[in-house]
Amino acid sequence: MYFESKDGKYHTSVNYVKFKDGEEPTEMWFVDAHTEKDYVMDEDFFSDYDDAVSTFENWKSDIMKYNFKLNLICHSILPI
């Protein structure tokens, strides 16, 4: 899963990793996010996909709020 801001400046994604070191769990999901206020890279690991999606949706919500602000700014600059 991947979502980015309209201007491409911010993003969030759900990614899959399979560990080959013999430790459990061997498969995990992780969520990366770059928003206006946060940058999370390889920090949020989940053994349950639904937990990863829930975290992704939270970051996506932040980016959607940024898109809304960006849209308001763009429309206020353009002549009617």
PDB file of N, CA and C in Angstrom:
ATOM      1  N   MET A   1       0.844  -1.168   0.000  1.00  0.00           N
ATOM      2  CA  MET A   1       0.000   0.000   0.000  1.00  0.00           C
ATOM      3  C   MET A   1       0.895   1.239   0.000  1.00  0.00           C
ATOM      4  N   TYR A   2       0.438   2.231  -0.710  1.00  0.00           N
ATOM      5  CA  TYR A   2       1.209   3.469  -0.797  1.00  0.00           C
ATOM      6  C   TYR A   2       0.238   4.633  -0.971  1.00  0.00           C
ATOM      7  N   PHE A   3       0.521   5.729  -0.299  1.00  0.00           N
ATOM      8  CA  PHE A   3      -0.278   6.941  -0.455  1.00  0.00           C
ATOM      9  C   PHE A   3       0.663   8.126  -0.340  1.00  0.00           C
ATOM     10  N   GLU A   4       0.480   9.109  -1.242  1.00  0.00           N
ATOM     11  CA  GLU A   4       1.322  10.299  -1.158  1.00  0.00           C
ATOM     12  C   GLU A   4       0.492  11.562  -1.322  1.00  0.00           C
ATOM     13  N   SER A   5       1.067  12.655  -0.853  1.00  0.00           N
ATOM     14  CA  SER A   5       0.400  13.951  -0.962  1.00  0.00           C
ATOM     15  C   SER A   5       0.302  14.346  -2.430  1.00  0.00           C
ATOM     16  N   LYS A   6      -0.618  15.256  -2.720  1.00  0.00           N
ATOM     17  CA  LYS A   6      -0.841  15.688  -4.097  1.00  0.00           C
ATOM     18  C   LYS A   6       0.407  16.291  -4.727  1.00  0.00           C
ATOM     19  N   ASP A   7       1.225  16.924  -3.900  1.00  0.00           N
ATOM     20  CA  ASP A   7       2.449  17.527  -4.426  1.00  0.00           C
ATOM     21  C   ASP A   7       3.645  16.572  -4.381  1.00  0.00           C
ATOM     22  N   GLY A   8       3.426  15.356  -3.898  1.00  0.00           N
ATOM     23  CA  GLY A   8       4.488  14.351  -3.847  1.00  0.00           C
ATOM     24  C   GLY A   8       5.495  14.556  -2.735  1.00  0.00           C
ATOM     25  N   LYS A   9       5.259  15.509  -1.881  1.00  0.00           N
ATOM     26  CA  LYS A   9       6.213  15.843  -0.824  1.00  0.00           C
ATOM     27  C   LYS A   9       6.183  14.845   0.335  1.00  0.00           C
ATOM     28  N   TYR A  10       5.011  14.298   0.650  1.00  0.00           N
ATOM     29  CA  TYR A  10       4.853  13.400   1.792  1.00  0.00           C
ATOM     30  C   TYR A  10       4.245  12.071   1.344  1.00  0.00           C
ATOM     31  N   HIS A  11       4.520  11.019   2.100  1.00  0.00           N
ATOM     32  CA  HIS A  11       4.006   9.699   1.736  1.00  0.00           C
ATOM     33  C   HIS A  11       3.911   8.788   2.961  1.00  0.00           C
ATOM     34  N   THR A  12       3.190   7.692   2.783  1.00  0.00           N
ATOM     35  CA  THR A  12       3.186   6.596   3.744  1.00  0.00           C
ATOM     36  C   THR A  12       3.039   5.298   2.960  1.00  0.00           C
ATOM     37  N   SER A  13       3.572   4.218   3.514  1.00  0.00           N
ATOM     38  CA  SER A  13       3.495   2.933   2.820  1.00  0.00           C
ATOM     39  C   SER A  13       3.534   1.779   3.812  1.00  0.00           C
ATOM     40  N   VAL A  14       2.911   0.671   3.406  1.00  0.00           N
ATOM     41  CA  VAL A  14       2.999  -0.589   4.139  1.00  0.00           C
ATOM     42  C   VAL A  14       3.915  -1.485   3.326  1.00  0.00           C
ATOM     43  N   ASN A  15       4.914  -2.053   3.984  1.00  0.00           N
ATOM     44  CA  ASN A  15       5.910  -2.875   3.311  1.00  0.00           C
ATOM     45  C   ASN A  15       6.055  -4.212   4.016  1.00  0.00           C
ATOM     46  N   TYR A  16       6.538  -5.193   3.292  1.00  0.00           N
ATOM     47  CA  TYR A  16       6.685  -6.554   3.800  1.00  0.00           C
ATOM     48  C   TYR A  16       8.173  -6.908   3.889  1.00  0.00           C
ATOM     49  N   VAL A  17       8.533  -7.609   4.941  1.00  0.00           N
ATOM     50  CA  VAL A  17       9.912  -8.078   5.065  1.00  0.00           C
ATOM     51  C   VAL A  17       9.900  -9.510   5.590  1.00  0.00           C
ATOM     52  N   LYS A  18      10.804 -10.315   5.062  1.00  0.00           N
ATOM     53  CA  LYS A  18      10.959 -11.694   5.525  1.00  0.00           C
ATOM     54  C   LYS A  18      12.379 -11.825   6.068  1.00  0.00           C
ATOM     55  N   PHE A  19      12.470 -12.185   7.349  1.00  0.00           N
ATOM     56  CA  PHE A  19      13.768 -12.328   8.004  1.00  0.00           C
ATOM     57  C   PHE A  19      14.302 -13.744   7.806  1.00  0.00           C
ATOM     58  N   LYS A  20      15.575 -13.862   7.535  1.00  0.00           N
ATOM     59  CA  LYS A  20      16.186 -15.168   7.300  1.00  0.00           C
ATOM     60  C   LYS A  20      17.216 -15.501   8.377  1.00  0.00           C
ATOM     61  N   ASP A  21      17.084 -14.874   9.548  1.00  0.00           N
ATOM     62  CA  ASP A  21      18.051 -15.118  10.614  1.00  0.00           C
ATOM     63  C   ASP A  21      17.613 -16.224  11.573  1.00  0.00           C
ATOM     64  N   GLY A  22      16.449 -16.843  11.309  1.00  0.00           N
ATOM     65  CA  GLY A  22      15.964 -17.929  12.144  1.00  0.00           C
ATOM     66  C   GLY A  22      15.150 -17.490  13.347  1.00  0.00           C
ATOM     67  N   GLU A  23      15.093 -16.203  13.609  1.00  0.00           N
ATOM     68  CA  GLU A  23      14.316 -15.685  14.736  1.00  0.00           C
ATOM     69  C   GLU A  23      12.839 -15.591  14.358  1.00  0.00           C
ATOM     70  N   GLU A  24      11.983 -15.690  15.356  1.00  0.00           N
ATOM     71  CA  GLU A  24      10.543 -15.537  15.146  1.00  0.00           C
ATOM     72  C   GLU A  24      10.124 -14.110  15.498  1.00  0.00           C
ATOM     73  N   PRO A  25       9.170 -13.506  14.867  1.00  0.00           N
ATOM     74  CA  PRO A  25       8.534 -14.001  13.644  1.00  0.00           C
ATOM     75  C   PRO A  25       9.463 -13.839  12.444  1.00  0.00           C
ATOM     76  N   THR A  26       9.250 -14.671  11.450  1.00  0.00           N
ATOM     77  CA  THR A  26      10.104 -14.611  10.255  1.00  0.00           C
ATOM     78  C   THR A  26       9.570 -13.612   9.225  1.00  0.00           C
ATOM     79  N   GLU A  27       8.288 -13.292   9.332  1.00  0.00           N
ATOM     80  CA  GLU A  27       7.676 -12.352   8.389  1.00  0.00           C
ATOM     81  C   GLU A  27       7.008 -11.229   9.164  1.00  0.00           C
ATOM     82  N   MET A  28       7.188 -10.006   8.685  1.00  0.00           N
ATOM     83  CA  MET A  28       6.573  -8.859   9.345  1.00  0.00           C
ATOM     84  C   MET A  28       6.202  -7.802   8.315  1.00  0.00           C
ATOM     85  N   TRP A  29       5.359  -6.914   8.751  1.00  0.00           N
ATOM     86  CA  TRP A  29       4.966  -5.753   7.964  1.00  0.00           C
ATOM     87  C   TRP A  29       5.500  -4.515   8.665  1.00  0.00           C
ATOM     88  N   PHE A  30       5.921  -3.527   7.905  1.00  0.00           N
ATOM     89  CA  PHE A  30       6.344  -2.273   8.525  1.00  0.00           C
ATOM     90  C   PHE A  30       5.754  -1.095   7.771  1.00  0.00           C
ATOM     91  N   VAL A  31       5.567  -0.009   8.497  1.00  0.00           N
ATOM     92  CA  VAL A  31       4.949   1.186   7.937  1.00  0.00           C
ATOM     93  C   VAL A  31       5.964   2.321   7.984  1.00  0.00           C
ATOM     94  N   ASP A  32       6.216   2.901   6.831  1.00  0.00           N
ATOM     95  CA  ASP A  32       7.055   4.088   6.737  1.00  0.00           C
ATOM     96  C   ASP A  32       6.134   5.282   6.498  1.00  0.00           C
ATOM     97  N   ALA A  33       6.528   6.428   7.019  1.00  0.00           N
ATOM     98  CA  ALA A  33       5.727   7.631   6.802  1.00  0.00           C
ATOM     99  C   ALA A  33       6.614   8.866   6.838  1.00  0.00           C
ATOM    100  N   HIS A  34       6.313   9.785   5.952  1.00  0.00           N
ATOM    101  CA  HIS A  34       6.934  11.102   5.965  1.00  0.00           C
ATOM    102  C   HIS A  34       5.784  12.089   5.832  1.00  0.00           C
ATOM    103  N   THR A  35       5.538  12.837   6.907  1.00  0.00           N
ATOM    104  CA  THR A  35       4.456  13.817   6.912  1.00  0.00           C
ATOM    105  C   THR A  35       5.034  15.180   7.251  1.00  0.00           C
ATOM    106  N   GLU A  36       4.160  16.161   7.357  1.00  0.00           N
ATOM    107  CA  GLU A  36       4.588  17.514   7.713  1.00  0.00           C
ATOM    108  C   GLU A  36       5.353  17.545   9.029  1.00  0.00           C
ATOM    109  N   LYS A  37       4.919  16.726   9.986  1.00  0.00           N
ATOM    110  CA  LYS A  37       5.477  16.789  11.336  1.00  0.00           C
ATOM    111  C   LYS A  37       6.334  15.592  11.722  1.00  0.00           C
ATOM    112  N   ASP A  38       6.266  14.495  10.977  1.00  0.00           N
ATOM    113  CA  ASP A  38       6.956  13.270  11.383  1.00  0.00           C
ATOM    114  C   ASP A  38       7.669  12.601  10.220  1.00  0.00           C
ATOM    115  N   TYR A  39       8.701  11.859  10.586  1.00  0.00           N
ATOM    116  CA  TYR A  39       9.398  11.008   9.622  1.00  0.00           C
ATOM    117  C   TYR A  39       9.685   9.684  10.318  1.00  0.00           C
ATOM    118  N   VAL A  40       9.043   8.631   9.858  1.00  0.00           N
ATOM    119  CA  VAL A  40       9.186   7.306  10.464  1.00  0.00           C
ATOM    120  C   VAL A  40       9.709   6.356   9.396  1.00  0.00           C
ATOM    121  N   MET A  41      10.878   5.780   9.645  1.00  0.00           N
ATOM    122  CA  MET A  41      11.479   4.857   8.688  1.00  0.00           C
ATOM    123  C   MET A  41      11.957   3.627   9.435  1.00  0.00           C
ATOM    124  N   ASP A  42      11.427   2.470   9.077  1.00  0.00           N
ATOM    125  CA  ASP A  42      11.826   1.190   9.684  1.00  0.00           C
ATOM    126  C   ASP A  42      11.668   1.170  11.201  1.00  0.00           C
ATOM    127  N   GLU A  43      10.620   1.812  11.726  1.00  0.00           N
ATOM    128  CA  GLU A  43      10.392   1.826  13.173  1.00  0.00           C
ATOM    129  C   GLU A  43       9.154   1.044  13.577  1.00  0.00           C
ATOM    130  N   ASP A  44       8.090   1.129  12.784  1.00  0.00           N
ATOM    131  CA  ASP A  44       6.816   0.494  13.126  1.00  0.00           C
ATOM    132  C   ASP A  44       6.709  -0.868  12.447  1.00  0.00           C
ATOM    133  N   PHE A  45       7.078  -1.944  13.171  1.00  0.00           N
ATOM    134  CA  PHE A  45       6.986  -3.308  12.653  1.00  0.00           C
ATOM    135  C   PHE A  45       5.798  -4.017  13.276  1.00  0.00           C
ATOM    136  N   PHE A  46       5.086  -4.803  12.463  1.00  0.00           N
ATOM    137  CA  PHE A  46       3.894  -5.513  12.925  1.00  0.00           C
ATOM    138  C   PHE A  46       3.909  -6.940  12.410  1.00  0.00           C
ATOM    139  N   SER A  47       3.540  -7.876  13.269  1.00  0.00           N
ATOM    140  CA  SER A  47       3.398  -9.257  12.810  1.00  0.00           C
ATOM    141  C   SER A  47       2.009  -9.467  12.213  1.00  0.00           C
ATOM    142  N   ASP A  48       1.077  -8.575  12.527  1.00  0.00           N
ATOM    143  CA  ASP A  48      -0.281  -8.663  12.013  1.00  0.00           C
ATOM    144  C   ASP A  48      -0.504  -7.583  10.944  1.00  0.00           C
ATOM    145  N   TYR A  49      -0.905  -8.005   9.761  1.00  0.00           N
ATOM    146  CA  TYR A  49      -1.112  -7.088   8.641  1.00  0.00           C
ATOM    147  C   TYR A  49      -2.163  -6.022   8.963  1.00  0.00           C
ATOM    148  N   ASP A  50      -3.231  -6.413   9.645  1.00  0.00           N
ATOM    149  CA  ASP A  50      -4.293  -5.458   9.973  1.00  0.00           C
ATOM    150  C   ASP A  50      -3.792  -4.329  10.869  1.00  0.00           C
ATOM    151  N   ASP A  51      -2.869  -4.629  11.768  1.00  0.00           N
ATOM    152  CA  ASP A  51      -2.280  -3.583  12.611  1.00  0.00           C
ATOM    153  C   ASP A  51      -1.464  -2.610  11.764  1.00  0.00           C
ATOM    154  N   ALA A  52      -0.748  -3.158  10.788  1.00  0.00           N
ATOM    155  CA  ALA A  52       0.037  -2.303   9.886  1.00  0.00           C
ATOM    156  C   ALA A  52      -0.892  -1.398   9.073  1.00  0.00           C
ATOM    157  N   VAL A  53      -1.992  -1.948   8.592  1.00  0.00           N
ATOM    158  CA  VAL A  53      -2.943  -1.163   7.800  1.00  0.00           C
ATOM    159  C   VAL A  53      -3.570  -0.064   8.658  1.00  0.00           C
ATOM    160  N   SER A  54      -3.877  -0.371   9.897  1.00  0.00           N
ATOM    161  CA  SER A  54      -4.447   0.637  10.796  1.00  0.00           C
ATOM    162  C   SER A  54      -3.484   1.809  10.995  1.00  0.00           C
ATOM    163  N   THR A  55      -2.214   1.509  11.197  1.00  0.00           N
ATOM    164  CA  THR A  55      -1.201   2.558  11.353  1.00  0.00           C
ATOM    165  C   THR A  55      -1.052   3.345  10.053  1.00  0.00           C
ATOM    166  N   PHE A  56      -1.041   2.641   8.920  1.00  0.00           N
ATOM    167  CA  PHE A  56      -0.986   3.281   7.609  1.00  0.00           C
ATOM    168  C   PHE A  56      -2.143   4.270   7.455  1.00  0.00           C
ATOM    169  N   GLU A  57      -3.347   3.852   7.841  1.00  0.00           N
ATOM    170  CA  GLU A  57      -4.526   4.709   7.708  1.00  0.00           C
ATOM    171  C   GLU A  57      -4.398   5.969   8.566  1.00  0.00           C
ATOM    172  N   ASN A  58      -3.783   5.854   9.741  1.00  0.00           N
ATOM    173  CA  ASN A  58      -3.550   7.038  10.579  1.00  0.00           C
ATOM    174  C   ASN A  58      -2.619   8.024   9.884  1.00  0.00           C
ATOM    175  N   TRP A  59      -1.518   7.513   9.318  1.00  0.00           N
ATOM    176  CA  TRP A  59      -0.595   8.395   8.593  1.00  0.00           C
ATOM    177  C   TRP A  59      -1.264   8.966   7.352  1.00  0.00           C
ATOM    178  N   LYS A  60      -2.044   8.140   6.668  1.00  0.00           N
ATOM    179  CA  LYS A  60      -2.761   8.597   5.474  1.00  0.00           C
ATOM    180  C   LYS A  60      -3.693   9.755   5.825  1.00  0.00           C
ATOM    181  N   SER A  61      -4.352   9.663   6.959  1.00  0.00           N
ATOM    182  CA  SER A  61      -5.245  10.730   7.415  1.00  0.00           C
ATOM    183  C   SER A  61      -4.489  12.045   7.577  1.00  0.00           C
ATOM    184  N   ASP A  62      -3.289  11.989   8.146  1.00  0.00           N
ATOM    185  CA  ASP A  62      -2.468  13.199   8.284  1.00  0.00           C
ATOM    186  C   ASP A  62      -2.134  13.800   6.920  1.00  0.00           C
ATOM    187  N   ILE A  63      -1.811  12.946   5.974  1.00  0.00           N
ATOM    188  CA  ILE A  63      -1.462  13.428   4.635  1.00  0.00           C
ATOM    189  C   ILE A  63      -2.699  13.992   3.934  1.00  0.00           C
ATOM    190  N   MET A  64      -3.851  13.374   4.149  1.00  0.00           N
ATOM    191  CA  MET A  64      -5.085  13.896   3.560  1.00  0.00           C
ATOM    192  C   MET A  64      -5.411  15.282   4.119  1.00  0.00           C
ATOM    193  N   LYS A  65      -5.145  15.503   5.398  1.00  0.00           N
ATOM    194  CA  LYS A  65      -5.342  16.838   5.988  1.00  0.00           C
ATOM    195  C   LYS A  65      -4.392  17.839   5.333  1.00  0.00           C
ATOM    196  N   TYR A  66      -3.156  17.419   5.100  1.00  0.00           N
ATOM    197  CA  TYR A  66      -2.192  18.277   4.406  1.00  0.00           C
ATOM    198  C   TYR A  66      -2.702  18.595   2.996  1.00  0.00           C
ATOM    199  N   ASN A  67      -3.221  17.569   2.282  1.00  0.00           N
ATOM    200  CA  ASN A  67      -3.765  17.785   0.936  1.00  0.00           C
ATOM    201  C   ASN A  67      -4.898  18.804   0.966  1.00  0.00           C
ATOM    202  N   PHE A  68      -5.746  18.717   1.981  1.00  0.00           N
ATOM    203  CA  PHE A  68      -6.863  19.642   2.113  1.00  0.00           C
ATOM    204  C   PHE A  68      -6.339  21.069   2.285  1.00  0.00           C
ATOM    205  N   LYS A  69      -5.342  21.236   3.173  1.00  0.00           N
ATOM    206  CA  LYS A  69      -4.742  22.568   3.363  1.00  0.00           C
ATOM    207  C   LYS A  69      -4.112  23.063   2.065  1.00  0.00           C
ATOM    208  N   LEU A  70      -3.411  22.185   1.383  1.00  0.00           N
ATOM    209  CA  LEU A  70      -2.758  22.529   0.123  1.00  0.00           C
ATOM    210  C   LEU A  70      -3.799  22.966  -0.907  1.00  0.00           C
ATOM    211  N   ASN A  71      -4.902  22.258  -0.953  1.00  0.00           N
ATOM    212  CA  ASN A  71      -5.986  22.585  -1.874  1.00  0.00           C
ATOM    213  C   ASN A  71      -6.573  23.965  -1.560  1.00  0.00           C
ATOM    214  N   LEU A  72      -6.756  24.253  -0.277  1.00  0.00           N
ATOM    215  CA  LEU A  72      -7.276  25.567   0.112  1.00  0.00           C
ATOM    216  C   LEU A  72      -6.327  26.681  -0.295  1.00  0.00           C
ATOM    217  N   ILE A  73      -5.048  26.474  -0.095  1.00  0.00           N
ATOM    218  CA  ILE A  73      -4.046  27.472  -0.455  1.00  0.00           C
ATOM    219  C   ILE A  73      -4.037  27.701  -1.958  1.00  0.00           C
ATOM    220  N   CYS A  74      -4.070  26.621  -2.730  1.00  0.00           N
ATOM    221  CA  CYS A  74      -4.054  26.745  -4.186  1.00  0.00           C
ATOM    222  C   CYS A  74      -5.270  27.493  -4.700  1.00  0.00           C
ATOM    223  N   HIS A  75      -6.442  27.191  -4.141  1.00  0.00           N
ATOM    224  CA  HIS A  75      -7.654  27.849  -4.596  1.00  0.00           C
ATOM    225  C   HIS A  75      -7.744  29.299  -4.145  1.00  0.00           C
ATOM    226  N   SER A  76      -7.115  29.640  -3.048  1.00  0.00           N
ATOM    227  CA  SER A  76      -7.168  31.034  -2.595  1.00  0.00           C
ATOM    228  C   SER A  76      -6.247  31.925  -3.426  1.00  0.00           C
ATOM    229  N   ILE A  77      -5.251  31.325  -4.076  1.00  0.00           N
ATOM    230  CA  ILE A  77      -4.318  32.081  -4.904  1.00  0.00           C
ATOM    231  C   ILE A  77      -4.885  32.310  -6.298  1.00  0.00           C
ATOM    232  N   LEU A  78      -5.633  31.334  -6.798  1.00  0.00           N
ATOM    233  CA  LEU A  78      -6.155  31.420  -8.160  1.00  0.00           C
ATOM    234  C   LEU A  78      -7.297  32.430  -8.238  1.00  0.00           C
ATOM    235  N   PRO A  79      -7.323  33.222  -9.302  1.00  0.00           N
ATOM    236  CA  PRO A  79      -8.440  34.166  -9.469  1.00  0.00           C
ATOM    237  C   PRO A  79      -9.732  33.424  -9.768  1.00  0.00           C
ATOM    238  N   ILE A  80     -10.831  34.019  -9.368  1.00  0.00           N
ATOM    239  CA  ILE A  80     -12.139  33.387  -9.605  1.00  0.00           C
ATOM    240  C   ILE A  80     -12.692  33.813 -10.935  1.00  0.00           C
TER     241      ILE A  80
END
